[in-house]
Amino acid sequence: MDNRTVKTHSLKGTIYLNVRQYTTVLVTEIVMK
């Protein structure tokens, strides 16, 4: 695993976490209404 692969992998992980957090907030908003 070279440095570039690690960076790409960590970027994917960050995006995944952001999407999950955004989805959770979105669902919470809908449920609260």
PDB file of N, CA and C in Angstrom:
ATOM      1  N   MET A   1       0.847  -1.213   0.000  1.00  0.00           N
ATOM      2  CA  MET A   1       0.000   0.000   0.000  1.00  0.00           C
ATOM      3  C   MET A   1       0.875   1.254   0.000  1.00  0.00           C
ATOM      4  N   ASP A   2       0.849   1.981  -1.093  1.00  0.00           N
ATOM      5  CA  ASP A   2       1.659   3.203  -1.129  1.00  0.00           C
ATOM      6  C   ASP A   2       0.859   4.372  -0.555  1.00  0.00           C
ATOM      7  N   ASN A   3       1.498   5.514  -0.470  1.00  0.00           N
ATOM      8  CA  ASN A   3       0.901   6.684   0.188  1.00  0.00           C
ATOM      9  C   ASN A   3      -0.367   7.139  -0.520  1.00  0.00           C
ATOM     10  N   ARG A   4      -0.367   7.069  -1.840  1.00  0.00           N
ATOM     11  CA  ARG A   4      -1.513   7.552  -2.619  1.00  0.00           C
ATOM     12  C   ARG A   4      -2.759   6.695  -2.331  1.00  0.00           C
ATOM     13  N   THR A   5      -2.554   5.391  -2.237  1.00  0.00           N
ATOM     14  CA  THR A   5      -3.675   4.482  -1.968  1.00  0.00           C
ATOM     15  C   THR A   5      -4.280   4.795  -0.619  1.00  0.00           C
ATOM     16  N   VAL A   6      -3.434   5.031   0.374  1.00  0.00           N
ATOM     17  CA  VAL A   6      -3.912   5.339   1.727  1.00  0.00           C
ATOM     18  C   VAL A   6      -4.729   6.614   1.709  1.00  0.00           C
ATOM     19  N   LYS A   7      -4.251   7.632   0.994  1.00  0.00           N
ATOM     20  CA  LYS A   7      -4.974   8.913   0.936  1.00  0.00           C
ATOM     21  C   LYS A   7      -6.345   8.734   0.306  1.00  0.00           C
ATOM     22  N   THR A   8      -6.397   7.988  -0.807  1.00  0.00           N
ATOM     23  CA  THR A   8      -7.671   7.747  -1.490  1.00  0.00           C
ATOM     24  C   THR A   8      -8.622   7.000  -0.576  1.00  0.00           C
ATOM     25  N   HIS A   9      -8.098   5.995   0.124  1.00  0.00           N
ATOM     26  CA  HIS A   9      -8.925   5.179   1.014  1.00  0.00           C
ATOM     27  C   HIS A   9      -9.493   6.035   2.138  1.00  0.00           C
ATOM     28  N   SER A  10      -8.654   6.881   2.733  1.00  0.00           N
ATOM     29  CA  SER A  10      -9.110   7.716   3.846  1.00  0.00           C
ATOM     30  C   SER A  10     -10.110   8.750   3.358  1.00  0.00           C
ATOM     31  N   LEU A  11      -9.943   9.218   2.118  1.00  0.00           N
ATOM     32  CA  LEU A  11     -10.899  10.175   1.548  1.00  0.00           C
ATOM     33  C   LEU A  11     -12.268   9.515   1.400  1.00  0.00           C
ATOM     34  N   LYS A  12     -12.270   8.284   0.898  1.00  0.00           N
ATOM     35  CA  LYS A  12     -13.531   7.546   0.758  1.00  0.00           C
ATOM     36  C   LYS A  12     -14.192   7.373   2.114  1.00  0.00           C
ATOM     37  N   GLY A  13     -13.392   7.061   3.129  1.00  0.00           N
ATOM     38  CA  GLY A  13     -13.927   6.878   4.480  1.00  0.00           C
ATOM     39  C   GLY A  13     -14.549   8.156   4.998  1.00  0.00           C
ATOM     40  N   THR A  14     -13.888   9.285   4.762  1.00  0.00           N
ATOM     41  CA  THR A  14     -14.396  10.576   5.217  1.00  0.00           C
ATOM     42  C   THR A  14     -15.717  10.902   4.535  1.00  0.00           C
ATOM     43  N   ILE A  15     -15.779  10.711   3.221  1.00  0.00           N
ATOM     44  CA  ILE A  15     -17.010  10.978   2.471  1.00  0.00           C
ATOM     45  C   ILE A  15     -18.128  10.084   2.991  1.00  0.00           C
ATOM     46  N   TYR A  16     -17.796   8.812   3.232  1.00  0.00           N
ATOM     47  CA  TYR A  16     -18.790   7.862   3.717  1.00  0.00           C
ATOM     48  C   TYR A  16     -19.369   8.320   5.047  1.00  0.00           C
ATOM     49  N   LEU A  17     -18.489   8.750   5.964  1.00  0.00           N
ATOM     50  CA  LEU A  17     -18.949   9.216   7.270  1.00  0.00           C
ATOM     51  C   LEU A  17     -19.811  10.459   7.124  1.00  0.00           C
ATOM     52  N   ASN A  18     -19.398  11.400   6.259  1.00  0.00           N
ATOM     53  CA  ASN A  18     -20.163  12.627   6.049  1.00  0.00           C
ATOM     54  C   ASN A  18     -21.554  12.321   5.507  1.00  0.00           C
ATOM     55  N   VAL A  19     -21.615  11.407   4.542  1.00  0.00           N
ATOM     56  CA  VAL A  19     -22.909  11.025   3.953  1.00  0.00           C
ATOM     57  C   VAL A  19     -23.801  10.386   5.014  1.00  0.00           C
ATOM     58  N   ARG A  20     -23.222   9.521   5.833  1.00  0.00           N
ATOM     59  CA  ARG A  20     -24.000   8.857   6.887  1.00  0.00           C
ATOM     60  C   ARG A  20     -24.543   9.879   7.872  1.00  0.00           C
ATOM     61  N   GLN A  21     -23.696  10.828   8.269  1.00  0.00           N
ATOM     62  CA  GLN A  21     -24.111  11.861   9.216  1.00  0.00           C
ATOM     63  C   GLN A  21     -25.228  12.710   8.607  1.00  0.00           C
ATOM     64  N   TYR A  22     -25.069  13.091   7.340  1.00  0.00           N
ATOM     65  CA  TYR A  22     -26.054  13.916   6.643  1.00  0.00           C
ATOM     66  C   TYR A  22     -27.392  13.174   6.553  1.00  0.00           C
ATOM     67  N   THR A  23     -27.326  11.891   6.215  1.00  0.00           N
ATOM     68  CA  THR A  23     -28.553  11.087   6.105  1.00  0.00           C
ATOM     69  C   THR A  23     -29.256  11.014   7.452  1.00  0.00           C
ATOM     70  N   THR A  24     -28.489  10.804   8.520  1.00  0.00           N
ATOM     71  CA  THR A  24     -29.073  10.715   9.862  1.00  0.00           C
ATOM     72  C   THR A  24     -29.783  12.009  10.220  1.00  0.00           C
ATOM     73  N   VAL A  25     -29.142  13.137   9.947  1.00  0.00           N
ATOM     74  CA  VAL A  25     -29.742  14.447  10.233  1.00  0.00           C
ATOM     75  C   VAL A  25     -31.021  14.615   9.420  1.00  0.00           C
ATOM     76  N   LEU A  26     -30.957  14.239   8.153  1.00  0.00           N
ATOM     77  CA  LEU A  26     -32.107  14.374   7.257  1.00  0.00           C
ATOM     78  C   LEU A  26     -33.289  13.554   7.782  1.00  0.00           C
ATOM     79  N   VAL A  27     -33.029  12.304   8.154  1.00  0.00           N
ATOM     80  CA  VAL A  27     -34.081  11.422   8.676  1.00  0.00           C
ATOM     81  C   VAL A  27     -34.657  12.005   9.967  1.00  0.00           C
ATOM     82  N   THR A  28     -33.790  12.516  10.831  1.00  0.00           N
ATOM     83  CA  THR A  28     -34.244  13.101  12.089  1.00  0.00           C
ATOM     84  C   THR A  28     -35.160  14.287  11.822  1.00  0.00           C
ATOM     85  N   GLU A  29     -34.780  15.124  10.864  1.00  0.00           N
ATOM     86  CA  GLU A  29     -35.606  16.290  10.507  1.00  0.00           C
ATOM     87  C   GLU A  29     -36.995  15.840  10.057  1.00  0.00           C
ATOM     88  N   ILE A  30     -37.024  14.827   9.197  1.00  0.00           N
ATOM     89  CA  ILE A  30     -38.301  14.342   8.662  1.00  0.00           C
ATOM     90  C   ILE A  30     -39.161  13.760   9.787  1.00  0.00           C
ATOM     91  N   VAL A  31     -38.546  12.988  10.673  1.00  0.00           N
ATOM     92  CA  VAL A  31     -39.283  12.349  11.764  1.00  0.00           C
ATOM     93  C   VAL A  31     -39.832  13.404  12.725  1.00  0.00           C
ATOM     94  N   MET A  32     -39.054  14.467  12.966  1.00  0.00           N
ATOM     95  CA  MET A  32     -39.476  15.492  13.923  1.00  0.00           C
ATOM     96  C   MET A  32     -40.674  16.295  13.405  1.00  0.00           C
ATOM     97  N   LYS A  33     -40.822  16.391  12.082  1.00  0.00           N
ATOM     98  CA  LYS A  33     -41.893  17.210  11.510  1.00  0.00           C
ATOM     99  C   LYS A  33     -43.255  16.564  11.573  1.00  0.00           C
TER     100      LYS A  33
END
